[in-house]
């Protein structure tokens, strides 16, 4: 009876964390988005004009694959020494997205490395 009780208590300690675990979505970390609101206030005579813009910025991560649509809207960095970036290995290239530099594989579009400025 004691052994059975000890086995049940031990198994409850092992299975409890698994019951609260949530399944991870693929590329969940890579596709996290940073969101903030920019607020501009202008005075025009006696009126106050408030403009609010929601800015959504993607956070990149290694292993994330850039879609062909995303690859069309990025610019290739040919003068990587100007930005103090390392020489890319064969089959890889530096690209600039917003203010982030991504080292991607040319064939697959997978992010190999990143540098933020």
PDB file of N, CA and C in Angstrom:
ATOM      1  N   UNK A   1       0.822  -1.199   0.000  1.00  0.00           N
ATOM      2  CA  UNK A   1       0.000   0.000   0.000  1.00  0.00           C
ATOM      3  C   UNK A   1       0.864   1.260   0.000  1.00  0.00           C
ATOM      4  N   UNK A   2       1.958   1.225   0.812  1.00  0.00           N
ATOM      5  CA  UNK A   2       2.849   2.376   0.864  1.00  0.00           C
ATOM      6  C   UNK A   2       3.509   2.621  -0.494  1.00  0.00           C
ATOM      7  N   UNK A   3       3.933   1.552  -1.147  1.00  0.00           N
ATOM      8  CA  UNK A   3       4.598   1.689  -2.442  1.00  0.00           C
ATOM      9  C   UNK A   3       3.641   2.277  -3.480  1.00  0.00           C
ATOM     10  N   UNK A   4       2.411   1.847  -3.456  1.00  0.00           N
ATOM     11  CA  UNK A   4       1.420   2.363  -4.395  1.00  0.00           C
ATOM     12  C   UNK A   4       1.184   3.852  -4.159  1.00  0.00           C
ATOM     13  N   UNK A   5       1.071   4.250  -2.894  1.00  0.00           N
ATOM     14  CA  UNK A   5       0.866   5.653  -2.551  1.00  0.00           C
ATOM     15  C   UNK A   5       2.062   6.506  -2.973  1.00  0.00           C
ATOM     16  N   UNK A   6       3.280   6.014  -2.741  1.00  0.00           N
ATOM     17  CA  UNK A   6       4.486   6.746  -3.140  1.00  0.00           C
ATOM     18  C   UNK A   6       4.555   6.872  -4.656  1.00  0.00           C
ATOM     19  N   UNK A   7       4.204   5.825  -5.384  1.00  0.00           N
ATOM     20  CA  UNK A   7       4.223   5.859  -6.848  1.00  0.00           C
ATOM     21  C   UNK A   7       3.203   6.865  -7.380  1.00  0.00           C
ATOM     22  N   UNK A   8       2.031   6.940  -6.781  1.00  0.00           N
ATOM     23  CA  UNK A   8       1.012   7.902  -7.219  1.00  0.00           C
ATOM     24  C   UNK A   8       1.446   9.341  -6.959  1.00  0.00           C
ATOM     25  N   UNK A   9       2.036   9.594  -5.811  1.00  0.00           N
ATOM     26  CA  UNK A   9       2.499  10.940  -5.486  1.00  0.00           C
ATOM     27  C   UNK A   9       3.637  11.340  -6.418  1.00  0.00           C
ATOM     28  N   UNK A  10       4.555  10.421  -6.686  1.00  0.00           N
ATOM     29  CA  UNK A  10       5.679  10.722  -7.583  1.00  0.00           C
ATOM     30  C   UNK A  10       5.187  10.999  -8.999  1.00  0.00           C
ATOM     31  N   UNK A  11       4.233  10.228  -9.454  1.00  0.00           N
ATOM     32  CA  UNK A  11       3.727  10.455 -10.810  1.00  0.00           C
ATOM     33  C   UNK A  11       2.943  11.766 -10.903  1.00  0.00           C
ATOM     34  N   UNK A  12       2.289  12.171  -9.808  1.00  0.00           N
ATOM     35  CA  UNK A  12       1.566  13.446  -9.849  1.00  0.00           C
ATOM     36  C   UNK A  12       2.539  14.624  -9.945  1.00  0.00           C
ATOM     37  N   UNK A  13       3.716  14.502  -9.322  1.00  0.00           N
ATOM     38  CA  UNK A  13       4.720  15.556  -9.431  1.00  0.00           C
ATOM     39  C   UNK A  13       5.287  15.635 -10.847  1.00  0.00           C
ATOM     40  N   UNK A  14       5.365  14.519 -11.542  1.00  0.00           N
ATOM     41  CA  UNK A  14       5.908  14.509 -12.897  1.00  0.00           C
ATOM     42  C   UNK A  14       4.893  14.956 -13.940  1.00  0.00           C
ATOM     43  N   UNK A  15       3.625  14.649 -13.727  1.00  0.00           N
ATOM     44  CA  UNK A  15       2.621  14.967 -14.743  1.00  0.00           C
ATOM     45  C   UNK A  15       2.006  16.356 -14.565  1.00  0.00           C
ATOM     46  N   UNK A  16       2.115  16.951 -13.409  1.00  0.00           N
ATOM     47  CA  UNK A  16       1.506  18.268 -13.180  1.00  0.00           C
ATOM     48  C   UNK A  16       2.068  19.344 -14.112  1.00  0.00           C
ATOM     49  N   UNK A  17       3.393  19.466 -14.302  1.00  0.00           N
ATOM     50  CA  UNK A  17       3.880  20.495 -15.233  1.00  0.00           C
ATOM     51  C   UNK A  17       3.433  20.255 -16.675  1.00  0.00           C
ATOM     52  N   UNK A  18       3.300  18.999 -17.065  1.00  0.00           N
ATOM     53  CA  UNK A  18       2.870  18.709 -18.433  1.00  0.00           C
ATOM     54  C   UNK A  18       1.422  19.108 -18.665  1.00  0.00           C
ATOM     55  N   UNK A  19       0.620  19.101 -17.626  1.00  0.00           N
ATOM     56  CA  UNK A  19      -0.786  19.474 -17.783  1.00  0.00           C
ATOM     57  C   UNK A  19      -0.922  20.967 -18.055  1.00  0.00           C
ATOM     58  N   UNK A  20       0.010  21.772 -17.544  1.00  0.00           N
ATOM     59  CA  UNK A  20      -0.064  23.214 -17.732  1.00  0.00           C
ATOM     60  C   UNK A  20       0.715  23.694 -18.956  1.00  0.00           C
ATOM     61  N   UNK A  21       1.486  22.817 -19.575  1.00  0.00           N
ATOM     62  CA  UNK A  21       2.275  23.208 -20.738  1.00  0.00           C
ATOM     63  C   UNK A  21       1.363  23.434 -21.937  1.00  0.00           C
ATOM     64  N   UNK A  22       1.698  24.461 -22.714  1.00  0.00           N
ATOM     65  CA  UNK A  22       0.941  24.752 -23.920  1.00  0.00           C
ATOM     66  C   UNK A  22       1.782  24.357 -25.121  1.00  0.00           C
ATOM     67  N   UNK A  23       1.165  23.848 -26.155  1.00  0.00           N
ATOM     68  CA  UNK A  23       1.957  23.471 -27.322  1.00  0.00           C
ATOM     69  C   UNK A  23       2.542  24.716 -27.998  1.00  0.00           C
ATOM     70  N   UNK A  24       3.786  24.613 -28.389  1.00  0.00           N
ATOM     71  CA  UNK A  24       4.456  25.739 -29.045  1.00  0.00           C
ATOM     72  C   UNK A  24       4.116  25.737 -30.525  1.00  0.00           C
ATOM     73  N   UNK A  25       3.860  26.915 -31.057  1.00  0.00           N
ATOM     74  CA  UNK A  25       3.597  27.048 -32.480  1.00  0.00           C
ATOM     75  C   UNK A  25       4.939  27.184 -33.200  1.00  0.00           C
ATOM     76  N   UNK A  26       5.074  26.647 -34.399  1.00  0.00           N
ATOM     77  CA  UNK A  26       6.351  26.811 -35.101  1.00  0.00           C
ATOM     78  C   UNK A  26       6.593  28.275 -35.454  1.00  0.00           C
ATOM     79  N   UNK A  27       7.808  28.701 -35.288  1.00  0.00           N
ATOM     80  CA  UNK A  27       8.248  30.074 -35.563  1.00  0.00           C
ATOM     81  C   UNK A  27       7.503  31.099 -34.713  1.00  0.00           C
ATOM     82  N   UNK A  28       7.001  30.696 -33.554  1.00  0.00           N
ATOM     83  CA  UNK A  28       6.269  31.639 -32.708  1.00  0.00           C
ATOM     84  C   UNK A  28       7.184  32.769 -32.251  1.00  0.00           C
ATOM     85  N   UNK A  29       8.405  32.426 -31.864  1.00  0.00           N
ATOM     86  CA  UNK A  29       9.344  33.439 -31.396  1.00  0.00           C
ATOM     87  C   UNK A  29       9.784  34.316 -32.551  1.00  0.00           C
ATOM     88  N   UNK A  30       9.965  33.733 -33.718  1.00  0.00           N
ATOM     89  CA  UNK A  30      10.447  34.490 -34.861  1.00  0.00           C
ATOM     90  C   UNK A  30       9.424  35.500 -35.356  1.00  0.00           C
ATOM     91  N   UNK A  31       8.154  35.219 -35.168  1.00  0.00           N
ATOM     92  CA  UNK A  31       7.134  36.094 -35.700  1.00  0.00           C
ATOM     93  C   UNK A  31       6.507  36.996 -34.645  1.00  0.00           C
ATOM     94  N   UNK A  32       7.143  37.127 -33.500  1.00  0.00           N
ATOM     95  CA  UNK A  32       6.622  38.053 -32.498  1.00  0.00           C
ATOM     96  C   UNK A  32       6.699  39.463 -33.043  1.00  0.00           C
ATOM     97  N   UNK A  33       5.721  40.239 -32.725  1.00  0.00           N
ATOM     98  CA  UNK A  33       5.685  41.600 -33.244  1.00  0.00           C
ATOM     99  C   UNK A  33       5.735  42.590 -32.098  1.00  0.00           C
ATOM    100  N   UNK A  34       6.486  43.637 -32.315  1.00  0.00           N
ATOM    101  CA  UNK A  34       6.603  44.714 -31.345  1.00  0.00           C
ATOM    102  C   UNK A  34       5.627  45.802 -31.772  1.00  0.00           C
ATOM    103  N   UNK A  35       4.769  46.219 -30.862  1.00  0.00           N
ATOM    104  CA  UNK A  35       3.726  47.177 -31.223  1.00  0.00           C
ATOM    105  C   UNK A  35       3.741  48.344 -30.252  1.00  0.00           C
ATOM    106  N   UNK A  36       3.704  49.541 -30.785  1.00  0.00           N
ATOM    107  CA  UNK A  36       3.581  50.724 -29.947  1.00  0.00           C
ATOM    108  C   UNK A  36       2.827  51.799 -30.721  1.00  0.00           C
ATOM    109  N   UNK A  37       2.373  52.799 -29.998  1.00  0.00           N
ATOM    110  CA  UNK A  37       1.572  53.871 -30.588  1.00  0.00           C
ATOM    111  C   UNK A  37       2.394  55.155 -30.583  1.00  0.00           C
ATOM    112  N   UNK A  38       2.509  55.774 -31.748  1.00  0.00           N
ATOM    113  CA  UNK A  38       3.153  57.080 -31.842  1.00  0.00           C
ATOM    114  C   UNK A  38       2.065  58.142 -31.792  1.00  0.00           C
ATOM    115  N   UNK A  39       2.280  59.145 -30.965  1.00  0.00           N
ATOM    116  CA  UNK A  39       1.266  60.184 -30.778  1.00  0.00           C
ATOM    117  C   UNK A  39       1.876  61.536 -31.123  1.00  0.00           C
ATOM    118  N   UNK A  40       1.273  62.229 -32.068  1.00  0.00           N
ATOM    119  CA  UNK A  40       1.715  63.567 -32.464  1.00  0.00           C
ATOM    120  C   UNK A  40       0.609  64.562 -32.132  1.00  0.00           C
ATOM    121  N   UNK A  41       0.985  65.657 -31.467  1.00  0.00           N
ATOM    122  CA  UNK A  41       0.016  66.690 -31.098  1.00  0.00           C
ATOM    123  C   UNK A  41       0.404  67.979 -31.803  1.00  0.00           C
ATOM    124  N   UNK A  42      -0.549  68.529 -32.539  1.00  0.00           N
ATOM    125  CA  UNK A  42      -0.341  69.794 -33.243  1.00  0.00           C
ATOM    126  C   UNK A  42      -1.343  70.816 -32.731  1.00  0.00           C
ATOM    127  N   UNK A  43      -0.918  72.071 -32.667  1.00  0.00           N
ATOM    128  CA  UNK A  43      -1.831  73.150 -32.304  1.00  0.00           C
ATOM    129  C   UNK A  43      -2.092  73.984 -33.546  1.00  0.00           C
ATOM    130  N   UNK A  44      -3.366  74.129 -33.864  1.00  0.00           N
ATOM    131  CA  UNK A  44      -3.778  74.915 -35.020  1.00  0.00           C
ATOM    132  C   UNK A  44      -4.791  75.941 -34.533  1.00  0.00           C
ATOM    133  N   UNK A  45      -4.303  77.142 -34.221  1.00  0.00           N
ATOM    134  CA  UNK A  45      -5.186  78.165 -33.661  1.00  0.00           C
ATOM    135  C   UNK A  45      -5.614  77.764 -32.259  1.00  0.00           C
ATOM    136  N   UNK A  46      -6.927  77.665 -32.038  1.00  0.00           N
ATOM    137  CA  UNK A  46      -7.449  77.254 -30.734  1.00  0.00           C
ATOM    138  C   UNK A  46      -7.674  75.743 -30.649  1.00  0.00           C
ATOM    139  N   UNK A  47      -7.455  75.054 -31.737  1.00  0.00           N
ATOM    140  CA  UNK A  47      -7.721  73.617 -31.771  1.00  0.00           C
ATOM    141  C   UNK A  47      -6.450  72.817 -31.541  1.00  0.00           C
ATOM    142  N   UNK A  48      -6.620  71.676 -30.901  1.00  0.00           N
ATOM    143  CA  UNK A  48      -5.536  70.713 -30.738  1.00  0.00           C
ATOM    144  C   UNK A  48      -5.835  69.526 -31.643  1.00  0.00           C
ATOM    145  N   UNK A  49      -4.896  69.186 -32.482  1.00  0.00           N
ATOM    146  CA  UNK A  49      -5.064  68.037 -33.366  1.00  0.00           C
ATOM    147  C   UNK A  49      -4.134  66.940 -32.866  1.00  0.00           C
ATOM    148  N   UNK A  50      -4.707  65.777 -32.551  1.00  0.00           N
ATOM    149  CA  UNK A  50      -3.937  64.639 -32.057  1.00  0.00           C
ATOM    150  C   UNK A  50      -3.995  63.531 -33.104  1.00  0.00           C
ATOM    151  N   UNK A  51      -2.833  63.134 -33.571  1.00  0.00           N
ATOM    152  CA  UNK A  51      -2.743  62.034 -34.523  1.00  0.00           C
ATOM    153  C   UNK A  51      -2.093  60.848 -33.828  1.00  0.00           C
ATOM    154  N   UNK A  52      -2.725  59.697 -33.941  1.00  0.00           N
ATOM    155  CA  UNK A  52      -2.168  58.473 -33.370  1.00  0.00           C
ATOM    156  C   UNK A  52      -1.925  57.476 -34.488  1.00  0.00           C
ATOM    157  N   UNK A  53      -0.742  56.887 -34.476  1.00  0.00           N
ATOM    158  CA  UNK A  53      -0.379  55.878 -35.457  1.00  0.00           C
ATOM    159  C   UNK A  53       0.094  54.639 -34.708  1.00  0.00           C
ATOM    160  N   UNK A  54      -0.447  53.493 -35.059  1.00  0.00           N
ATOM    161  CA  UNK A  54       0.002  52.235 -34.479  1.00  0.00           C
ATOM    162  C   UNK A  54       1.138  51.709 -35.348  1.00  0.00           C
ATOM    163  N   UNK A  55       2.284  51.481 -34.725  1.00  0.00           N
ATOM    164  CA  UNK A  55       3.459  51.001 -35.432  1.00  0.00           C
ATOM    165  C   UNK A  55       3.689  49.549 -35.028  1.00  0.00           C
ATOM    166  N   UNK A  56       3.710  48.673 -36.023  1.00  0.00           N
ATOM    167  CA  UNK A  56       3.951  47.255 -35.784  1.00  0.00           C
ATOM    168  C   UNK A  56       5.267  46.897 -36.453  1.00  0.00           C
ATOM    169  N   UNK A  57       6.182  46.345 -35.668  1.00  0.00           N
ATOM    170  CA  UNK A  57       7.494  45.995 -36.182  1.00  0.00           C
ATOM    171  C   UNK A  57       7.763  44.528 -35.882  1.00  0.00           C
ATOM    172  N   UNK A  58       8.215  43.792 -36.891  1.00  0.00           N
ATOM    173  CA  UNK A  58       8.524  42.380 -36.701  1.00  0.00           C
ATOM    174  C   UNK A  58       9.850  42.226 -35.966  1.00  0.00           C
ATOM    175  N   UNK A  59       9.909  41.195 -35.156  1.00  0.00           N
ATOM    176  CA  UNK A  59      11.162  40.847 -34.505  1.00  0.00           C
ATOM    177  C   UNK A  59      11.683  39.603 -35.196  1.00  0.00           C
ATOM    178  N   UNK A  60      12.882  39.679 -35.710  1.00  0.00           N
ATOM    179  CA  UNK A  60      13.459  38.581 -36.468  1.00  0.00           C
ATOM    180  C   UNK A  60      14.221  37.645 -35.543  1.00  0.00           C
ATOM    181  N   UNK A  61      14.335  36.389 -35.942  1.00  0.00           N
ATOM    182  CA  UNK A  61      15.089  35.401 -35.168  1.00  0.00           C
ATOM    183  C   UNK A  61      15.767  34.430 -36.120  1.00  0.00           C
ATOM    184  N   UNK A  62      16.828  33.813 -35.639  1.00  0.00           N
ATOM    185  CA  UNK A  62      17.537  32.825 -36.447  1.00  0.00           C
ATOM    186  C   UNK A  62      16.633  31.644 -36.733  1.00  0.00           C
ATOM    187  N   UNK A  63      16.761  31.119 -37.936  1.00  0.00           N
ATOM    188  CA  UNK A  63      15.970  29.956 -38.310  1.00  0.00           C
ATOM    189  C   UNK A  63      14.648  30.306 -38.959  1.00  0.00           C
ATOM    190  N   UNK A  64      14.230  31.561 -38.861  1.00  0.00           N
ATOM    191  CA  UNK A  64      12.980  31.989 -39.494  1.00  0.00           C
ATOM    192  C   UNK A  64      13.199  32.061 -40.997  1.00  0.00           C
ATOM    193  N   UNK A  65      12.226  31.576 -41.747  1.00  0.00           N
ATOM    194  CA  UNK A  65      12.333  31.582 -43.207  1.00  0.00           C
ATOM    195  C   UNK A  65      11.576  32.784 -43.749  1.00  0.00           C
ATOM    196  N   UNK A  66      12.249  33.586 -44.561  1.00  0.00           N
ATOM    197  CA  UNK A  66      11.606  34.720 -45.204  1.00  0.00           C
ATOM    198  C   UNK A  66      10.796  34.224 -46.398  1.00  0.00           C
ATOM    199  N   UNK A  67       9.573  34.649 -46.492  1.00  0.00           N
ATOM    200  CA  UNK A  67       8.733  34.250 -47.616  1.00  0.00           C
ATOM    201  C   UNK A  67       9.195  34.991 -48.873  1.00  0.00           C
ATOM    202  N   UNK A  68       8.842  34.486 -50.046  1.00  0.00           N
ATOM    203  CA  UNK A  68       9.212  35.198 -51.278  1.00  0.00           C
ATOM    204  C   UNK A  68       8.656  36.623 -51.324  1.00  0.00           C
ATOM    205  N   UNK A  69       7.482  36.844 -50.739  1.00  0.00           N
ATOM    206  CA  UNK A  69       6.915  38.196 -50.703  1.00  0.00           C
ATOM    207  C   UNK A  69       7.774  39.121 -49.846  1.00  0.00           C
ATOM    208  N   UNK A  70       8.264  38.614 -48.713  1.00  0.00           N
ATOM    209  CA  UNK A  70       9.128  39.430 -47.857  1.00  0.00           C
ATOM    210  C   UNK A  70      10.475  39.681 -48.529  1.00  0.00           C
ATOM    211  N   UNK A  71      10.962  38.697 -49.269  1.00  0.00           N
ATOM    212  CA  UNK A  71      12.259  38.842 -49.929  1.00  0.00           C
ATOM    213  C   UNK A  71      12.205  39.857 -51.066  1.00  0.00           C
ATOM    214  N   UNK A  72      11.033  40.097 -51.629  1.00  0.00           N
ATOM    215  CA  UNK A  72      10.900  41.091 -52.689  1.00  0.00           C
ATOM    216  C   UNK A  72      10.983  42.514 -52.153  1.00  0.00           C
ATOM    217  N   UNK A  73      10.629  42.711 -50.873  1.00  0.00           N
ATOM    218  CA  UNK A  73      10.543  44.056 -50.309  1.00  0.00           C
ATOM    219  C   UNK A  73      11.750  44.437 -49.452  1.00  0.00           C
ATOM    220  N   UNK A  74      12.829  43.677 -49.545  1.00  0.00           N
ATOM    221  CA  UNK A  74      14.022  44.005 -48.772  1.00  0.00           C
ATOM    222  C   UNK A  74      15.132  44.406 -49.730  1.00  0.00           C
ATOM    223  N   UNK A  75      16.100  45.140 -49.199  1.00  0.00           N
ATOM    224  CA  UNK A  75      17.203  45.591 -50.050  1.00  0.00           C
ATOM    225  C   UNK A  75      18.479  44.841 -49.671  1.00  0.00           C
ATOM    226  N   UNK A  76      19.226  44.450 -50.688  1.00  0.00           N
ATOM    227  CA  UNK A  76      20.491  43.747 -50.487  1.00  0.00           C
ATOM    228  C   UNK A  76      21.571  44.749 -50.103  1.00  0.00           C
ATOM    229  N   UNK A  77      22.411  44.372 -49.159  1.00  0.00           N
ATOM    230  CA  UNK A  77      23.507  45.237 -48.712  1.00  0.00           C
ATOM    231  C   UNK A  77      24.787  44.752 -49.387  1.00  0.00           C
ATOM    232  N   UNK A  78      25.277  45.504 -50.363  1.00  0.00           N
ATOM    233  CA  UNK A  78      26.512  45.139 -51.046  1.00  0.00           C
ATOM    234  C   UNK A  78      27.738  45.731 -50.355  1.00  0.00           C
ATOM    235  N   UNK A  79      27.586  46.889 -49.723  1.00  0.00           N
ATOM    236  CA  UNK A  79      28.704  47.539 -49.026  1.00  0.00           C
ATOM    237  C   UNK A  79      28.625  47.236 -47.528  1.00  0.00           C
ATOM    238  N   UNK A  80      28.756  45.946 -47.180  1.00  0.00           N
ATOM    239  CA  UNK A  80      28.603  45.509 -45.789  1.00  0.00           C
ATOM    240  C   UNK A  80      29.713  46.047 -44.893  1.00  0.00           C
ATOM    241  N   UNK A  81      30.882  46.400 -45.454  1.00  0.00           N
ATOM    242  CA  UNK A  81      31.968  46.954 -44.627  1.00  0.00           C
ATOM    243  C   UNK A  81      31.602  48.335 -44.085  1.00  0.00           C
ATOM    244  N   UNK A  82      30.780  49.052 -44.831  1.00  0.00           N
ATOM    245  CA  UNK A  82      30.347  50.378 -44.398  1.00  0.00           C
ATOM    246  C   UNK A  82      29.564  50.295 -43.086  1.00  0.00           C
ATOM    247  N   UNK A  83      28.814  49.211 -42.928  1.00  0.00           N
ATOM    248  CA  UNK A  83      28.005  49.009 -41.717  1.00  0.00           C
ATOM    249  C   UNK A  83      28.715  48.133 -40.694  1.00  0.00           C
ATOM    250  N   UNK A  84      30.014  47.860 -40.932  1.00  0.00           N
ATOM    251  CA  UNK A  84      30.845  47.054 -40.034  1.00  0.00           C
ATOM    252  C   UNK A  84      30.292  45.643 -39.855  1.00  0.00           C
ATOM    253  N   UNK A  85      29.896  45.046 -40.964  1.00  0.00           N
ATOM    254  CA  UNK A  85      29.401  43.676 -40.973  1.00  0.00           C
ATOM    255  C   UNK A  85      30.485  42.762 -41.533  1.00  0.00           C
ATOM    256  N   UNK A  86      30.470  41.496 -41.121  1.00  0.00           N
ATOM    257  CA  UNK A  86      31.435  40.528 -41.616  1.00  0.00           C
ATOM    258  C   UNK A  86      31.132  40.166 -43.069  1.00  0.00           C
ATOM    259  N   UNK A  87      32.152  39.673 -43.755  1.00  0.00           N
ATOM    260  CA  UNK A  87      31.961  39.216 -45.126  1.00  0.00           C
ATOM    261  C   UNK A  87      31.045  38.002 -45.119  1.00  0.00           C
ATOM    262  N   UNK A  88      29.985  38.009 -45.924  1.00  0.00           N
ATOM    263  CA  UNK A  88      29.079  36.856 -45.914  1.00  0.00           C
ATOM    264  C   UNK A  88      29.719  35.650 -46.605  1.00  0.00           C
ATOM    265  N   UNK A  89      29.516  34.449 -46.077  1.00  0.00           N
ATOM    266  CA  UNK A  89      30.045  33.253 -46.739  1.00  0.00           C
ATOM    267  C   UNK A  89      29.352  33.022 -48.082  1.00  0.00           C
ATOM    268  N   UNK A  90      29.910  32.124 -48.874  1.00  0.00           N
ATOM    269  CA  UNK A  90      29.332  31.811 -50.180  1.00  0.00           C
ATOM    270  C   UNK A  90      27.916  31.259 -49.989  1.00  0.00           C
ATOM    271  N   UNK A  91      26.978  31.770 -50.771  1.00  0.00           N
ATOM    272  CA  UNK A  91      25.598  31.304 -50.699  1.00  0.00           C
ATOM    273  C   UNK A  91      24.748  32.079 -49.712  1.00  0.00           C
ATOM    274  N   UNK A  92      25.331  33.107 -49.086  1.00  0.00           N
ATOM    275  CA  UNK A  92      24.588  33.929 -48.133  1.00  0.00           C
ATOM    276  C   UNK A  92      24.772  35.392 -48.493  1.00  0.00           C
ATOM    277  N   UNK A  93      23.829  36.238 -48.065  1.00  0.00           N
ATOM    278  CA  UNK A  93      23.930  37.669 -48.341  1.00  0.00           C
ATOM    279  C   UNK A  93      23.313  38.465 -47.197  1.00  0.00           C
ATOM    280  N   UNK A  94      23.826  39.672 -47.013  1.00  0.00           N
ATOM    281  CA  UNK A  94      23.255  40.589 -46.033  1.00  0.00           C
ATOM    282  C   UNK A  94      22.116  41.347 -46.683  1.00  0.00           C
ATOM    283  N   UNK A  95      21.002  41.481 -45.968  1.00  0.00           N
ATOM    284  CA  UNK A  95      19.879  42.283 -46.431  1.00  0.00           C
ATOM    285  C   UNK A  95      19.485  43.223 -45.305  1.00  0.00           C
ATOM    286  N   UNK A  96      18.853  44.327 -45.685  1.00  0.00           N
ATOM    287  CA  UNK A  96      18.439  45.325 -44.695  1.00  0.00           C
ATOM    288  C   UNK A  96      16.923  45.409 -44.681  1.00  0.00           C
ATOM    289  N   UNK A  97      16.360  45.240 -43.479  1.00  0.00           N
ATOM    290  CA  UNK A  97      14.922  45.366 -43.272  1.00  0.00           C
ATOM    291  C   UNK A  97      14.742  46.382 -42.149  1.00  0.00           C
ATOM    292  N   UNK A  98      14.078  47.490 -42.448  1.00  0.00           N
ATOM    293  CA  UNK A  98      13.963  48.611 -41.509  1.00  0.00           C
ATOM    294  C   UNK A  98      15.364  49.032 -41.093  1.00  0.00           C
ATOM    295  N   UNK A  99      15.719  48.859 -39.830  1.00  0.00           N
ATOM    296  CA  UNK A  99      17.059  49.192 -39.365  1.00  0.00           C
ATOM    297  C   UNK A  99      17.814  47.952 -38.929  1.00  0.00           C
ATOM    298  N   UNK A 100      17.347  46.785 -39.341  1.00  0.00           N
ATOM    299  CA  UNK A 100      17.969  45.522 -38.981  1.00  0.00           C
ATOM    300  C   UNK A 100      18.687  44.940 -40.197  1.00  0.00           C
ATOM    301  N   UNK A 101      19.825  44.328 -39.942  1.00  0.00           N
ATOM    302  CA  UNK A 101      20.573  43.652 -40.987  1.00  0.00           C
ATOM    303  C   UNK A 101      20.458  42.156 -40.752  1.00  0.00           C
ATOM    304  N   UNK A 102      20.042  41.414 -41.769  1.00  0.00           N
ATOM    305  CA  UNK A 102      19.855  39.980 -41.670  1.00  0.00           C
ATOM    306  C   UNK A 102      20.799  39.287 -42.638  1.00  0.00           C
ATOM    307  N   UNK A 103      21.478  38.259 -42.173  1.00  0.00           N
ATOM    308  CA  UNK A 103      22.289  37.425 -43.041  1.00  0.00           C
ATOM    309  C   UNK A 103      21.419  36.231 -43.410  1.00  0.00           C
ATOM    310  N   UNK A 104      21.039  36.150 -44.692  1.00  0.00           N
ATOM    311  CA  UNK A 104      20.121  35.089 -45.097  1.00  0.00           C
ATOM    312  C   UNK A 104      20.795  34.184 -46.123  1.00  0.00           C
ATOM    313  N   UNK A 105      20.305  32.967 -46.184  1.00  0.00           N
ATOM    314  CA  UNK A 105      20.740  32.021 -47.195  1.00  0.00           C
ATOM    315  C   UNK A 105      20.030  32.367 -48.493  1.00  0.00           C
ATOM    316  N   UNK A 106      20.772  32.492 -49.567  1.00  0.00           N
ATOM    317  CA  UNK A 106      20.193  32.918 -50.835  1.00  0.00           C
ATOM    318  C   UNK A 106      19.216  31.870 -51.362  1.00  0.00           C
ATOM    319  N   UNK A 107      19.561  30.604 -51.247  1.00  0.00           N
ATOM    320  CA  UNK A 107      18.742  29.544 -51.827  1.00  0.00           C
ATOM    321  C   UNK A 107      17.437  29.324 -51.069  1.00  0.00           C
ATOM    322  N   UNK A 108      17.495  29.342 -49.732  1.00  0.00           N
ATOM    323  CA  UNK A 108      16.311  28.980 -48.944  1.00  0.00           C
ATOM    324  C   UNK A 108      15.617  30.157 -48.289  1.00  0.00           C
ATOM    325  N   UNK A 109      16.316  31.252 -48.040  1.00  0.00           N
ATOM    326  CA  UNK A 109      15.717  32.401 -47.373  1.00  0.00           C
ATOM    327  C   UNK A 109      15.695  32.275 -45.866  1.00  0.00           C
ATOM    328  N   UNK A 110      16.449  31.341 -45.298  1.00  0.00           N
ATOM    329  CA  UNK A 110      16.506  31.152 -43.850  1.00  0.00           C
ATOM    330  C   UNK A 110      17.486  32.156 -43.252  1.00  0.00           C
ATOM    331  N   UNK A 111      17.088  32.770 -42.135  1.00  0.00           N
ATOM    332  CA  UNK A 111      17.950  33.735 -41.453  1.00  0.00           C
ATOM    333  C   UNK A 111      19.062  32.992 -40.715  1.00  0.00           C
ATOM    334  N   UNK A 112      20.298  33.316 -41.041  1.00  0.00           N
ATOM    335  CA  UNK A 112      21.450  32.673 -40.427  1.00  0.00           C
ATOM    336  C   UNK A 112      21.973  33.496 -39.253  1.00  0.00           C
ATOM    337  N   UNK A 113      21.955  34.830 -39.408  1.00  0.00           N
ATOM    338  CA  UNK A 113      22.486  35.709 -38.378  1.00  0.00           C
ATOM    339  C   UNK A 113      21.771  37.054 -38.490  1.00  0.00           C
ATOM    340  N   UNK A 114      21.803  37.856 -37.410  1.00  0.00           N
ATOM    341  CA  UNK A 114      21.221  39.193 -37.448  1.00  0.00           C
ATOM    342  C   UNK A 114      22.097  40.189 -36.732  1.00  0.00           C
ATOM    343  N   UNK A 115      21.971  41.421 -37.185  1.00  0.00           N
ATOM    344  CA  UNK A 115      22.686  42.528 -36.563  1.00  0.00           C
ATOM    345  C   UNK A 115      21.727  43.710 -36.533  1.00  0.00           C
ATOM    346  N   UNK A 116      21.531  44.299 -35.367  1.00  0.00           N
ATOM    347  CA  UNK A 116      20.619  45.435 -35.242  1.00  0.00           C
ATOM    348  C   UNK A 116      21.432  46.693 -35.011  1.00  0.00           C
ATOM    349  N   UNK A 117      20.962  47.779 -35.541  1.00  0.00           N
ATOM    350  CA  UNK A 117      21.638  49.076 -35.389  1.00  0.00           C
ATOM    351  C   UNK A 117      20.694  50.032 -34.735  1.00  0.00           C
TER     352      UNK A 117
END
